Amino acid sequence: MASCWAPEGAVQDQIDATLNDAVQRVRQGLNGGVSAHFCQECGDPIPEPRRLAVPGVQLCLACQQERDKHQASYAGYNRRGSKDSQLR
């Protein structure tokens, strides 16, 4: 589905760029090292299976889900695919 102005495969390039940006953002947020035994937000114990599955984990599952939900609202959108960025 190429238009007269877009090169062949431009749509797939935008999709790939969006996925790569999301993966990079997630990788930057990963912790390493020693996992905490108690959540830094609420102080509840972090279960051992979670500590083993996520190296360097600092939050319990409930607090992590809340943080992820909050960050998702600020994630924005792919500027490469917006009409504004194409018109500039």
PDB file of N, CA and C in Angstrom:
ATOM      1  N   MET A   1       0.847  -1.181   0.000  1.00  0.00           N
ATOM      2  CA  MET A   1       0.000   0.000   0.000  1.00  0.00           C
ATOM      3  C   MET A   1       0.886   1.235   0.000  1.00  0.00           C
ATOM      4  N   ALA A   2       1.490   1.504  -1.096  1.00  0.00           N
ATOM      5  CA  ALA A   2       2.355   2.670  -1.202  1.00  0.00           C
ATOM      6  C   ALA A   2       1.625   3.781  -1.934  1.00  0.00           C
ATOM      7  N   SER A   3       1.911   4.981  -1.562  1.00  0.00           N
ATOM      8  CA  SER A   3       1.349   6.122  -2.269  1.00  0.00           C
ATOM      9  C   SER A   3       2.407   6.664  -3.214  1.00  0.00           C
ATOM     10  N   CYS A   4       2.064   7.708  -3.957  1.00  0.00           N
ATOM     11  CA  CYS A   4       3.029   8.240  -4.904  1.00  0.00           C
ATOM     12  C   CYS A   4       4.184   8.955  -4.207  1.00  0.00           C
ATOM     13  N   TRP A   5       4.049   9.329  -2.941  1.00  0.00           N
ATOM     14  CA  TRP A   5       5.113  10.043  -2.236  1.00  0.00           C
ATOM     15  C   TRP A   5       5.908   9.152  -1.287  1.00  0.00           C
ATOM     16  N   ALA A   6       5.357   8.050  -0.922  1.00  0.00           N
ATOM     17  CA  ALA A   6       6.017   7.177   0.050  1.00  0.00           C
ATOM     18  C   ALA A   6       6.736   6.045  -0.677  1.00  0.00           C
ATOM     19  N   PRO A   7       7.935   5.734  -0.234  1.00  0.00           N
ATOM     20  CA  PRO A   7       8.632   4.611  -0.859  1.00  0.00           C
ATOM     21  C   PRO A   7       7.956   3.289  -0.506  1.00  0.00           C
ATOM     22  N   GLU A   8       8.215   2.296  -1.314  1.00  0.00           N
ATOM     23  CA  GLU A   8       7.655   0.964  -1.065  1.00  0.00           C
ATOM     24  C   GLU A   8       8.111   0.477   0.310  1.00  0.00           C
ATOM     25  N   GLY A   9       7.200  -0.030   1.104  1.00  0.00           N
ATOM     26  CA  GLY A   9       7.537  -0.541   2.433  1.00  0.00           C
ATOM     27  C   GLY A   9       7.554   0.517   3.521  1.00  0.00           C
ATOM     28  N   ALA A  10       7.094   1.734   3.223  1.00  0.00           N
ATOM     29  CA  ALA A  10       7.129   2.815   4.213  1.00  0.00           C
ATOM     30  C   ALA A  10       6.244   2.510   5.415  1.00  0.00           C
ATOM     31  N   VAL A  11       5.104   1.892   5.180  1.00  0.00           N
ATOM     32  CA  VAL A  11       4.201   1.560   6.283  1.00  0.00           C
ATOM     33  C   VAL A  11       4.869   0.555   7.219  1.00  0.00           C
ATOM     34  N   GLN A  12       5.491  -0.457   6.647  1.00  0.00           N
ATOM     35  CA  GLN A  12       6.182  -1.450   7.479  1.00  0.00           C
ATOM     36  C   GLN A  12       7.347  -0.809   8.226  1.00  0.00           C
ATOM     37  N   ASP A  13       8.032   0.141   7.588  1.00  0.00           N
ATOM     38  CA  ASP A  13       9.127   0.853   8.260  1.00  0.00           C
ATOM     39  C   ASP A  13       8.620   1.609   9.477  1.00  0.00           C
ATOM     40  N   GLN A  14       7.447   2.227   9.358  1.00  0.00           N
ATOM     41  CA  GLN A  14       6.856   2.942  10.496  1.00  0.00           C
ATOM     42  C   GLN A  14       6.490   1.975  11.618  1.00  0.00           C
ATOM     43  N   ILE A  15       5.924   0.841  11.253  1.00  0.00           N
ATOM     44  CA  ILE A  15       5.562  -0.171  12.255  1.00  0.00           C
ATOM     45  C   ILE A  15       6.819  -0.663  12.962  1.00  0.00           C
ATOM     46  N   ASP A  16       7.852  -0.968  12.190  1.00  0.00           N
ATOM     47  CA  ASP A  16       9.112  -1.435  12.787  1.00  0.00           C
ATOM     48  C   ASP A  16       9.725  -0.379  13.696  1.00  0.00           C
ATOM     49  N   ALA A  17       9.680   0.877  13.285  1.00  0.00           N
ATOM     50  CA  ALA A  17      10.235   1.959  14.108  1.00  0.00           C
ATOM     51  C   ALA A  17       9.470   2.094  15.417  1.00  0.00           C
ATOM     52  N   THR A  18       8.153   1.966  15.360  1.00  0.00           N
ATOM     53  CA  THR A  18       7.350   2.039  16.579  1.00  0.00           C
ATOM     54  C   THR A  18       7.703   0.912  17.536  1.00  0.00           C
ATOM     55  N   LEU A  19       7.824  -0.306  17.007  1.00  0.00           N
ATOM     56  CA  LEU A  19       8.185  -1.454  17.847  1.00  0.00           C
ATOM     57  C   LEU A  19       9.590  -1.300  18.423  1.00  0.00           C
ATOM     58  N   ASN A  20      10.528  -0.860  17.606  1.00  0.00           N
ATOM     59  CA  ASN A  20      11.899  -0.674  18.095  1.00  0.00           C
ATOM     60  C   ASN A  20      11.967   0.385  19.185  1.00  0.00           C
ATOM     61  N   ASP A  21      11.205   1.463  19.027  1.00  0.00           N
ATOM     62  CA  ASP A  21      11.168   2.501  20.061  1.00  0.00           C
ATOM     63  C   ASP A  21      10.600   1.951  21.367  1.00  0.00           C
ATOM     64  N   ALA A  22       9.537   1.147  21.261  1.00  0.00           N
ATOM     65  CA  ALA A  22       8.921   0.576  22.458  1.00  0.00           C
ATOM     66  C   ALA A  22       9.867  -0.394  23.157  1.00  0.00           C
ATOM     67  N   VAL A  23      10.546  -1.236  22.389  1.00  0.00           N
ATOM     68  CA  VAL A  23      11.502  -2.189  22.967  1.00  0.00           C
ATOM     69  C   VAL A  23      12.646  -1.444  23.648  1.00  0.00           C
ATOM     70  N   GLN A  24      13.145  -0.395  23.005  1.00  0.00           N
ATOM     71  CA  GLN A  24      14.233   0.385  23.586  1.00  0.00           C
ATOM     72  C   GLN A  24      13.803   1.042  24.893  1.00  0.00           C
ATOM     73  N   ARG A  25      12.577   1.577  24.925  1.00  0.00           N
ATOM     74  CA  ARG A  25      12.060   2.215  26.139  1.00  0.00           C
ATOM     75  C   ARG A  25      11.951   1.210  27.281  1.00  0.00           C
ATOM     76  N   VAL A  26      11.494   0.000  26.963  1.00  0.00           N
ATOM     77  CA  VAL A  26      11.364  -1.039  27.987  1.00  0.00           C
ATOM     78  C   VAL A  26      12.741  -1.474  28.486  1.00  0.00           C
ATOM     79  N   ARG A  27      13.681  -1.649  27.568  1.00  0.00           N
ATOM     80  CA  ARG A  27      15.025  -2.074  27.966  1.00  0.00           C
ATOM     81  C   ARG A  27      15.704  -1.060  28.868  1.00  0.00           C
ATOM     82  N   GLN A  28      15.460   0.222  28.619  1.00  0.00           N
ATOM     83  CA  GLN A  28      16.047   1.256  29.460  1.00  0.00           C
ATOM     84  C   GLN A  28      15.481   1.201  30.874  1.00  0.00           C
ATOM     85  N   GLY A  29      14.233   0.742  30.995  1.00  0.00           N
ATOM     86  CA  GLY A  29      13.595   0.685  32.302  1.00  0.00           C
ATOM     87  C   GLY A  29      13.915  -0.562  33.102  1.00  0.00           C
ATOM     88  N   LEU A  30      14.585  -1.534  32.478  1.00  0.00           N
ATOM     89  CA  LEU A  30      14.907  -2.767  33.196  1.00  0.00           C
ATOM     90  C   LEU A  30      16.009  -2.531  34.213  1.00  0.00           C
ATOM     91  N   ASN A  31      15.822  -3.111  35.356  1.00  0.00           N
ATOM     92  CA  ASN A  31      16.835  -3.043  36.403  1.00  0.00           C
ATOM     93  C   ASN A  31      17.748  -4.249  36.299  1.00  0.00           C
ATOM     94  N   GLY A  32      18.836  -4.165  36.922  1.00  0.00           N
ATOM     95  CA  GLY A  32      19.727  -5.305  37.024  1.00  0.00           C
ATOM     96  C   GLY A  32      20.170  -5.417  38.462  1.00  0.00           C
ATOM     97  N   GLY A  33      20.858  -6.458  38.769  1.00  0.00           N
ATOM     98  CA  GLY A  33      21.403  -6.583  40.102  1.00  0.00           C
ATOM     99  C   GLY A  33      20.487  -7.298  41.067  1.00  0.00           C
ATOM    100  N   VAL A  34      20.573  -6.887  42.317  1.00  0.00           N
ATOM    101  CA  VAL A  34      19.878  -7.567  43.410  1.00  0.00           C
ATOM    102  C   VAL A  34      18.431  -7.084  43.514  1.00  0.00           C
ATOM    103  N   SER A  35      17.519  -8.025  43.622  1.00  0.00           N
ATOM    104  CA  SER A  35      16.109  -7.698  43.795  1.00  0.00           C
ATOM    105  C   SER A  35      15.831  -7.331  45.251  1.00  0.00           C
ATOM    106  N   ALA A  36      14.911  -6.405  45.427  1.00  0.00           N
ATOM    107  CA  ALA A  36      14.502  -6.015  46.779  1.00  0.00           C
ATOM    108  C   ALA A  36      13.561  -7.079  47.352  1.00  0.00           C
ATOM    109  N   HIS A  37      13.576  -7.223  48.661  1.00  0.00           N
ATOM    110  CA  HIS A  37      12.656  -8.156  49.320  1.00  0.00           C
ATOM    111  C   HIS A  37      11.334  -7.484  49.652  1.00  0.00           C
ATOM    112  N   PHE A  38      11.338  -6.163  49.724  1.00  0.00           N
ATOM    113  CA  PHE A  38      10.124  -5.406  50.038  1.00  0.00           C
ATOM    114  C   PHE A  38       9.947  -4.301  48.998  1.00  0.00           C
ATOM    115  N   CYS A  39       8.712  -4.049  48.629  1.00  0.00           N
ATOM    116  CA  CYS A  39       8.375  -3.057  47.618  1.00  0.00           C
ATOM    117  C   CYS A  39       8.789  -1.659  48.083  1.00  0.00           C
ATOM    118  N   GLN A  40       9.413  -0.907  47.195  1.00  0.00           N
ATOM    119  CA  GLN A  40       9.834   0.455  47.526  1.00  0.00           C
ATOM    120  C   GLN A  40       8.657   1.411  47.627  1.00  0.00           C
ATOM    121  N   GLU A  41       7.534   1.080  47.017  1.00  0.00           N
ATOM    122  CA  GLU A  41       6.361   1.961  47.040  1.00  0.00           C
ATOM    123  C   GLU A  41       5.498   1.730  48.281  1.00  0.00           C
ATOM    124  N   CYS A  42       5.076   0.472  48.475  1.00  0.00           N
ATOM    125  CA  CYS A  42       4.105   0.195  49.539  1.00  0.00           C
ATOM    126  C   CYS A  42       4.699  -0.560  50.722  1.00  0.00           C
ATOM    127  N   GLY A  43       5.877  -1.138  50.568  1.00  0.00           N
ATOM    128  CA  GLY A  43       6.513  -1.858  51.666  1.00  0.00           C
ATOM    129  C   GLY A  43       6.091  -3.313  51.809  1.00  0.00           C
ATOM    130  N   ASP A  44       5.183  -3.773  50.959  1.00  0.00           N
ATOM    131  CA  ASP A  44       4.761  -5.180  51.006  1.00  0.00           C
ATOM    132  C   ASP A  44       5.905  -6.081  50.545  1.00  0.00           C
ATOM    133  N   PRO A  45       5.928  -7.333  51.038  1.00  0.00           N
ATOM    134  CA  PRO A  45       6.968  -8.267  50.579  1.00  0.00           C
ATOM    135  C   PRO A  45       6.804  -8.588  49.092  1.00  0.00           C
ATOM    136  N   ILE A  46       7.917  -8.730  48.400  1.00  0.00           N
ATOM    137  CA  ILE A  46       7.900  -9.144  46.995  1.00  0.00           C
ATOM    138  C   ILE A  46       8.106 -10.652  46.979  1.00  0.00           C
ATOM    139  N   PRO A  47       7.166 -11.404  46.393  1.00  0.00           N
ATOM    140  CA  PRO A  47       7.277 -12.866  46.391  1.00  0.00           C
ATOM    141  C   PRO A  47       8.564 -13.339  45.700  1.00  0.00           C
ATOM    142  N   GLU A  48       9.106 -14.430  46.219  1.00  0.00           N
ATOM    143  CA  GLU A  48      10.359 -14.957  45.680  1.00  0.00           C
ATOM    144  C   GLU A  48      10.283 -15.281  44.191  1.00  0.00           C
ATOM    145  N   PRO A  49       9.181 -15.887  43.691  1.00  0.00           N
ATOM    146  CA  PRO A  49       9.134 -16.156  42.247  1.00  0.00           C
ATOM    147  C   PRO A  49       9.284 -14.878  41.405  1.00  0.00           C
ATOM    148  N   ARG A  50       8.736 -13.771  41.885  1.00  0.00           N
ATOM    149  CA  ARG A  50       8.885 -12.504  41.155  1.00  0.00           C
ATOM    150  C   ARG A  50      10.330 -12.021  41.217  1.00  0.00           C
ATOM    151  N   ARG A  51      10.947 -12.137  42.367  1.00  0.00           N
ATOM    152  CA  ARG A  51      12.343 -11.705  42.510  1.00  0.00           C
ATOM    153  C   ARG A  51      13.267 -12.522  41.606  1.00  0.00           C
ATOM    154  N   LEU A  52      12.959 -13.814  41.453  1.00  0.00           N
ATOM    155  CA  LEU A  52      13.784 -14.671  40.595  1.00  0.00           C
ATOM    156  C   LEU A  52      13.516 -14.408  39.110  1.00  0.00           C
ATOM    157  N   ALA A  53      12.267 -14.105  38.765  1.00  0.00           N
ATOM    158  CA  ALA A  53      11.895 -13.903  37.365  1.00  0.00           C
ATOM    159  C   ALA A  53      12.347 -12.556  36.825  1.00  0.00           C
ATOM    160  N   VAL A  54      12.388 -11.531  37.689  1.00  0.00           N
ATOM    161  CA  VAL A  54      12.739 -10.178  37.254  1.00  0.00           C
ATOM    162  C   VAL A  54      13.954  -9.704  38.048  1.00  0.00           C
ATOM    163  N   PRO A  55      15.149  -9.913  37.514  1.00  0.00           N
ATOM    164  CA  PRO A  55      16.352  -9.494  38.244  1.00  0.00           C
ATOM    165  C   PRO A  55      16.332  -7.987  38.529  1.00  0.00           C
ATOM    166  N   GLY A  56      16.618  -7.629  39.756  1.00  0.00           N
ATOM    167  CA  GLY A  56      16.663  -6.225  40.137  1.00  0.00           C
ATOM    168  C   GLY A  56      15.309  -5.608  40.412  1.00  0.00           C
ATOM    169  N   VAL A  57      14.280  -6.421  40.558  1.00  0.00           N
ATOM    170  CA  VAL A  57      12.932  -5.899  40.783  1.00  0.00           C
ATOM    171  C   VAL A  57      12.892  -5.110  42.098  1.00  0.00           C
ATOM    172  N   GLN A  58      12.197  -3.982  42.074  1.00  0.00           N
ATOM    173  CA  GLN A  58      12.110  -3.120  43.253  1.00  0.00           C
ATOM    174  C   GLN A  58      10.671  -2.895  43.706  1.00  0.00           C
ATOM    175  N   LEU A  59       9.699  -3.304  42.879  1.00  0.00           N
ATOM    176  CA  LEU A  59       8.287  -3.061  43.179  1.00  0.00           C
ATOM    177  C   LEU A  59       7.500  -4.366  43.173  1.00  0.00           C
ATOM    178  N   CYS A  60       6.461  -4.426  43.997  1.00  0.00           N
ATOM    179  CA  CYS A  60       5.553  -5.574  43.962  1.00  0.00           C
ATOM    180  C   CYS A  60       4.739  -5.489  42.668  1.00  0.00           C
ATOM    181  N   LEU A  61       4.035  -6.533  42.353  1.00  0.00           N
ATOM    182  CA  LEU A  61       3.305  -6.594  41.096  1.00  0.00           C
ATOM    183  C   LEU A  61       2.242  -5.498  41.005  1.00  0.00           C
ATOM    184  N   ALA A  62       1.504  -5.264  42.081  1.00  0.00           N
ATOM    185  CA  ALA A  62       0.442  -4.252  42.063  1.00  0.00           C
ATOM    186  C   ALA A  62       1.009  -2.857  41.811  1.00  0.00           C
ATOM    187  N   CYS A  63       2.081  -2.518  42.486  1.00  0.00           N
ATOM    188  CA  CYS A  63       2.692  -1.192  42.299  1.00  0.00           C
ATOM    189  C   CYS A  63       3.308  -1.063  40.915  1.00  0.00           C
ATOM    190  N   GLN A  64       3.901  -2.142  40.399  1.00  0.00           N
ATOM    191  CA  GLN A  64       4.482  -2.099  39.056  1.00  0.00           C
ATOM    192  C   GLN A  64       3.399  -1.901  38.006  1.00  0.00           C
ATOM    193  N   GLN A  65       2.265  -2.587  38.170  1.00  0.00           N
ATOM    194  CA  GLN A  65       1.167  -2.427  37.226  1.00  0.00           C
ATOM    195  C   GLN A  65       0.634  -1.000  37.250  1.00  0.00           C
ATOM    196  N   GLU A  66       0.531  -0.417  38.430  1.00  0.00           N
ATOM    197  CA  GLU A  66       0.066   0.971  38.551  1.00  0.00           C
ATOM    198  C   GLU A  66       1.054   1.927  37.878  1.00  0.00           C
ATOM    199  N   ARG A  67       2.338   1.701  38.078  1.00  0.00           N
ATOM    200  CA  ARG A  67       3.363   2.550  37.454  1.00  0.00           C
ATOM    201  C   ARG A  67       3.328   2.404  35.934  1.00  0.00           C
ATOM    202  N   ASP A  68       3.177   1.163  35.450  1.00  0.00           N
ATOM    203  CA  ASP A  68       3.115   0.934  34.014  1.00  0.00           C
ATOM    204  C   ASP A  68       1.901   1.626  33.391  1.00  0.00           C
ATOM    205  N   LYS A  69       0.770   1.572  34.096  1.00  0.00           N
ATOM    206  CA  LYS A  69      -0.436   2.214  33.605  1.00  0.00           C
ATOM    207  C   LYS A  69      -0.226   3.729  33.507  1.00  0.00           C
ATOM    208  N   HIS A  70       0.421   4.292  34.507  1.00  0.00           N
ATOM    209  CA  HIS A  70       0.687   5.729  34.534  1.00  0.00           C
ATOM    210  C   HIS A  70       1.661   6.124  33.428  1.00  0.00           C
ATOM    211  N   GLN A  71       2.697   5.324  33.214  1.00  0.00           N
ATOM    212  CA  GLN A  71       3.689   5.636  32.182  1.00  0.00           C
ATOM    213  C   GLN A  71       3.111   5.463  30.789  1.00  0.00           C
ATOM    214  N   ALA A  72       2.191   4.533  30.620  1.00  0.00           N
ATOM    215  CA  ALA A  72       1.594   4.309  29.302  1.00  0.00           C
ATOM    216  C   ALA A  72       0.808   5.524  28.840  1.00  0.00           C
ATOM    217  N   SER A  73       0.217   6.259  29.776  1.00  0.00           N
ATOM    218  CA  SER A  73      -0.547   7.441  29.394  1.00  0.00           C
ATOM    219  C   SER A  73       0.362   8.556  28.910  1.00  0.00           C
ATOM    220  N   TYR A  74       1.652   8.512  29.271  1.00  0.00           N
ATOM    221  CA  TYR A  74       2.604   9.531  28.830  1.00  0.00           C
ATOM    222  C   TYR A  74       3.516   9.034  27.715  1.00  0.00           C
ATOM    223  N   ALA A  75       3.276   7.837  27.229  1.00  0.00           N
ATOM    224  CA  ALA A  75       4.161   7.260  26.213  1.00  0.00           C
ATOM    225  C   ALA A  75       4.102   8.017  24.903  1.00  0.00           C
ATOM    226  N   GLY A  76       2.995   8.684  24.640  1.00  0.00           N
ATOM    227  CA  GLY A  76       2.882   9.454  23.412  1.00  0.00           C
ATOM    228  C   GLY A  76       2.620   8.571  22.214  1.00  0.00           C
ATOM    229  N   TYR A  77       3.023   9.052  21.086  1.00  0.00           N
ATOM    230  CA  TYR A  77       2.817   8.302  19.861  1.00  0.00           C
ATOM    231  C   TYR A  77       4.058   8.455  18.998  1.00  0.00           C
ATOM    232  N   ASN A  78       4.100   7.681  17.960  1.00  0.00           N
ATOM    233  CA  ASN A  78       5.249   7.672  17.068  1.00  0.00           C
ATOM    234  C   ASN A  78       5.218   8.940  16.213  1.00  0.00           C
ATOM    235  N   ARG A  79       6.120   9.875  16.473  1.00  0.00           N
ATOM    236  CA  ARG A  79       6.157  11.131  15.718  1.00  0.00           C
ATOM    237  C   ARG A  79       6.482  10.886  14.248  1.00  0.00           C
ATOM    238  N   ARG A  80       7.153   9.793  13.953  1.00  0.00           N
ATOM    239  CA  ARG A  80       7.492   9.512  12.556  1.00  0.00           C
ATOM    240  C   ARG A  80       6.237   9.298  11.714  1.00  0.00           C
ATOM    241  N   GLY A  81       5.179   8.831  12.348  1.00  0.00           N
ATOM    242  CA  GLY A  81       3.964   8.527  11.615  1.00  0.00           C
ATOM    243  C   GLY A  81       2.907   9.605  11.709  1.00  0.00           C
ATOM    244  N   SER A  82       3.148  10.677  12.438  1.00  0.00           N
ATOM    245  CA  SER A  82       2.133  11.705  12.581  1.00  0.00           C
ATOM    246  C   SER A  82       2.119  12.622  11.364  1.00  0.00           C
ATOM    247  N   LYS A  83       0.964  13.145  11.061  1.00  0.00           N
ATOM    248  CA  LYS A  83       0.850  14.053   9.916  1.00  0.00           C
ATOM    249  C   LYS A  83       1.686  15.306  10.124  1.00  0.00           C
ATOM    250  N   ASP A  84       1.727  15.812  11.354  1.00  0.00           N
ATOM    251  CA  ASP A  84       2.480  17.028  11.631  1.00  0.00           C
ATOM    252  C   ASP A  84       3.955  16.855  11.264  1.00  0.00           C
ATOM    253  N   SER A  85       4.538  15.719  11.630  1.00  0.00           N
ATOM    254  CA  SER A  85       5.968  15.534  11.354  1.00  0.00           C
ATOM    255  C   SER A  85       6.224  15.336   9.865  1.00  0.00           C
ATOM    256  N   GLN A  86       5.240  14.850   9.135  1.00  0.00           N
ATOM    257  CA  GLN A  86       5.413  14.666   7.698  1.00  0.00           C
ATOM    258  C   GLN A  86       5.279  15.976   6.940  1.00  0.00           C
ATOM    259  N   LEU A  87       4.555  16.936   7.511  1.00  0.00           N
ATOM    260  CA  LEU A  87       4.356  18.204   6.838  1.00  0.00           C
ATOM    261  C   LEU A  87       5.519  19.176   7.063  1.00  0.00           C
ATOM    262  N   ARG A  88       6.357  18.923   8.038  1.00  0.00           N
ATOM    263  CA  ARG A  88       7.456  19.845   8.354  1.00  0.00           C
ATOM    264  C   ARG A  88       8.628  19.656   7.437  1.00  0.00           C
TER     265      ARG A  88
END
